[in-house]
Amino acid sequence: MSMPKFTDAQAVILYSGNHFAHNGVAPAIPQYGGITMEAQTAPETSADWSDITLLPLTPRTRHITWQFEY
């Protein structure tokens, strides 16, 4: 199986479900119960890690295609 992905995002972030353990915001998910990949904008290279403000009614467009091949 392969999973080609195509995006105009700068980065693809991989998160694991290792911290889930039938508690917190996802009580139905066991520890190691999943992974997710998110297409995102890469962080700035500066030392400024201040909040990113998303303004209401400001359109955001991102093109992402995930394809599973068997």
C-alpha atoms as a PDB file:
ATOM      1  CA  MET A   1       0.000   0.000   0.000  1.00  0.00           C
ATOM      2  CA  SER A   2       1.185   3.540  -0.649  1.00  0.00           C
ATOM      3  CA  MET A   3      -0.315   6.926   0.069  1.00  0.00           C
ATOM      4  CA  PRO A   4       0.758   9.698  -2.284  1.00  0.00           C
ATOM      5  CA  LYS A   5      -0.174  13.151  -1.048  1.00  0.00           C
ATOM      6  CA  PHE A   6      -0.289  16.431  -2.887  1.00  0.00           C
ATOM      7  CA  THR A   7      -0.617  19.838  -1.253  1.00  0.00           C
ATOM      8  CA  ASP A   8       0.270  23.463  -1.698  1.00  0.00           C
ATOM      9  CA  ALA A   9       1.061  23.642   2.030  1.00  0.00           C
ATOM     10  CA  GLN A  10       4.654  24.138   3.141  1.00  0.00           C
ATOM     11  CA  ALA A  11       4.709  21.180   5.527  1.00  0.00           C
ATOM     12  CA  VAL A  12       2.946  17.971   6.495  1.00  0.00           C
ATOM     13  CA  ILE A  13       2.811  17.369  10.241  1.00  0.00           C
ATOM     14  CA  LEU A  14       2.448  13.862  11.707  1.00  0.00           C
ATOM     15  CA  TYR A  15       0.845  13.411  15.126  1.00  0.00           C
ATOM     16  CA  SER A  16       0.587  10.094  16.956  1.00  0.00           C
ATOM     17  CA  GLY A  17      -2.131   9.013  19.357  1.00  0.00           C
ATOM     18  CA  ASN A  18       0.417   7.913  21.952  1.00  0.00           C
ATOM     19  CA  HIS A  19      -0.887  10.342  24.573  1.00  0.00           C
ATOM     20  CA  PHE A  20      -4.466   9.027  24.402  1.00  0.00           C
ATOM     21  CA  ALA A  21      -5.358   6.550  27.117  1.00  0.00           C
ATOM     22  CA  HIS A  22      -9.156   6.584  27.354  1.00  0.00           C
ATOM     23  CA  ASN A  23      -9.036  10.004  29.034  1.00  0.00           C
ATOM     24  CA  GLY A  24      -8.992  13.743  28.343  1.00  0.00           C
ATOM     25  CA  VAL A  25     -10.718  15.122  25.258  1.00  0.00           C
ATOM     26  CA  ALA A  26     -10.817  11.727  23.493  1.00  0.00           C
ATOM     27  CA  PRO A  27     -11.996   9.176  26.076  1.00  0.00           C
ATOM     28  CA  ALA A  28     -12.998   6.609  23.441  1.00  0.00           C
ATOM     29  CA  ILE A  29      -9.504   6.404  21.919  1.00  0.00           C
ATOM     30  CA  PRO A  30      -6.987   4.020  23.524  1.00  0.00           C
ATOM     31  CA  GLN A  31      -3.303   4.801  23.912  1.00  0.00           C
ATOM     32  CA  TYR A  32      -1.522   4.405  20.543  1.00  0.00           C
ATOM     33  CA  GLY A  33      -4.999   4.461  18.966  1.00  0.00           C
ATOM     34  CA  GLY A  34      -4.232   6.471  15.860  1.00  0.00           C
ATOM     35  CA  ILE A  35      -2.189   8.879  13.832  1.00  0.00           C
ATOM     36  CA  THR A  36      -3.068  11.949  11.817  1.00  0.00           C
ATOM     37  CA  MET A  37      -1.320  13.923   9.113  1.00  0.00           C
ATOM     38  CA  GLU A  38      -2.092  17.598   8.682  1.00  0.00           C
ATOM     39  CA  ALA A  39      -0.977  19.881   5.861  1.00  0.00           C
ATOM     40  CA  GLN A  40       0.079  23.147   7.485  1.00  0.00           C
ATOM     41  CA  THR A  41       2.130  26.267   7.078  1.00  0.00           C
ATOM     42  CA  ALA A  42       5.634  25.851   8.445  1.00  0.00           C
ATOM     43  CA  PRO A  43       6.555  28.000  11.455  1.00  0.00           C
ATOM     44  CA  GLU A  44       8.540  31.161  10.944  1.00  0.00           C
ATOM     45  CA  THR A  45      12.285  30.890  11.414  1.00  0.00           C
ATOM     46  CA  SER A  46      12.317  33.891  13.737  1.00  0.00           C
ATOM     47  CA  ALA A  47      12.255  33.586  17.517  1.00  0.00           C
ATOM     48  CA  ASP A  48       8.765  35.164  17.642  1.00  0.00           C
ATOM     49  CA  TRP A  49       6.383  32.399  18.726  1.00  0.00           C
ATOM     50  CA  SER A  50       3.479  34.739  19.496  1.00  0.00           C
ATOM     51  CA  ASP A  51      -0.118  33.752  18.848  1.00  0.00           C
ATOM     52  CA  ILE A  52      -1.416  33.524  15.301  1.00  0.00           C
ATOM     53  CA  THR A  53      -4.672  35.439  14.985  1.00  0.00           C
ATOM     54  CA  LEU A  54      -7.230  34.152  12.489  1.00  0.00           C
ATOM     55  CA  LEU A  55      -9.711  36.896  11.729  1.00  0.00           C
ATOM     56  CA  PRO A  56     -13.400  36.104  11.174  1.00  0.00           C
ATOM     57  CA  LEU A  57     -14.739  36.186   7.623  1.00  0.00           C
ATOM     58  CA  THR A  58     -11.222  35.955   6.190  1.00  0.00           C
ATOM     59  CA  PRO A  59     -11.187  33.144   3.620  1.00  0.00           C
ATOM     60  CA  ARG A  60      -8.424  30.539   3.823  1.00  0.00           C
ATOM     61  CA  THR A  61      -7.818  28.114   0.987  1.00  0.00           C
ATOM     62  CA  ARG A  62      -5.572  25.064   1.029  1.00  0.00           C
ATOM     63  CA  HIS A  63      -5.446  22.330  -1.617  1.00  0.00           C
ATOM     64  CA  ILE A  64      -4.790  18.830  -0.284  1.00  0.00           C
ATOM     65  CA  THR A  65      -5.221  15.434  -1.929  1.00  0.00           C
ATOM     66  CA  TRP A  66      -4.631  12.162  -0.071  1.00  0.00           C
ATOM     67  CA  GLN A  67      -4.723   9.016  -2.198  1.00  0.00           C
ATOM     68  CA  PHE A  68      -4.547   5.413  -1.007  1.00  0.00           C
ATOM     69  CA  GLU A  69      -3.154   2.887  -3.499  1.00  0.00           C
ATOM     70  CA  TYR A  70      -3.306  -0.867  -2.952  1.00  0.00           C
END
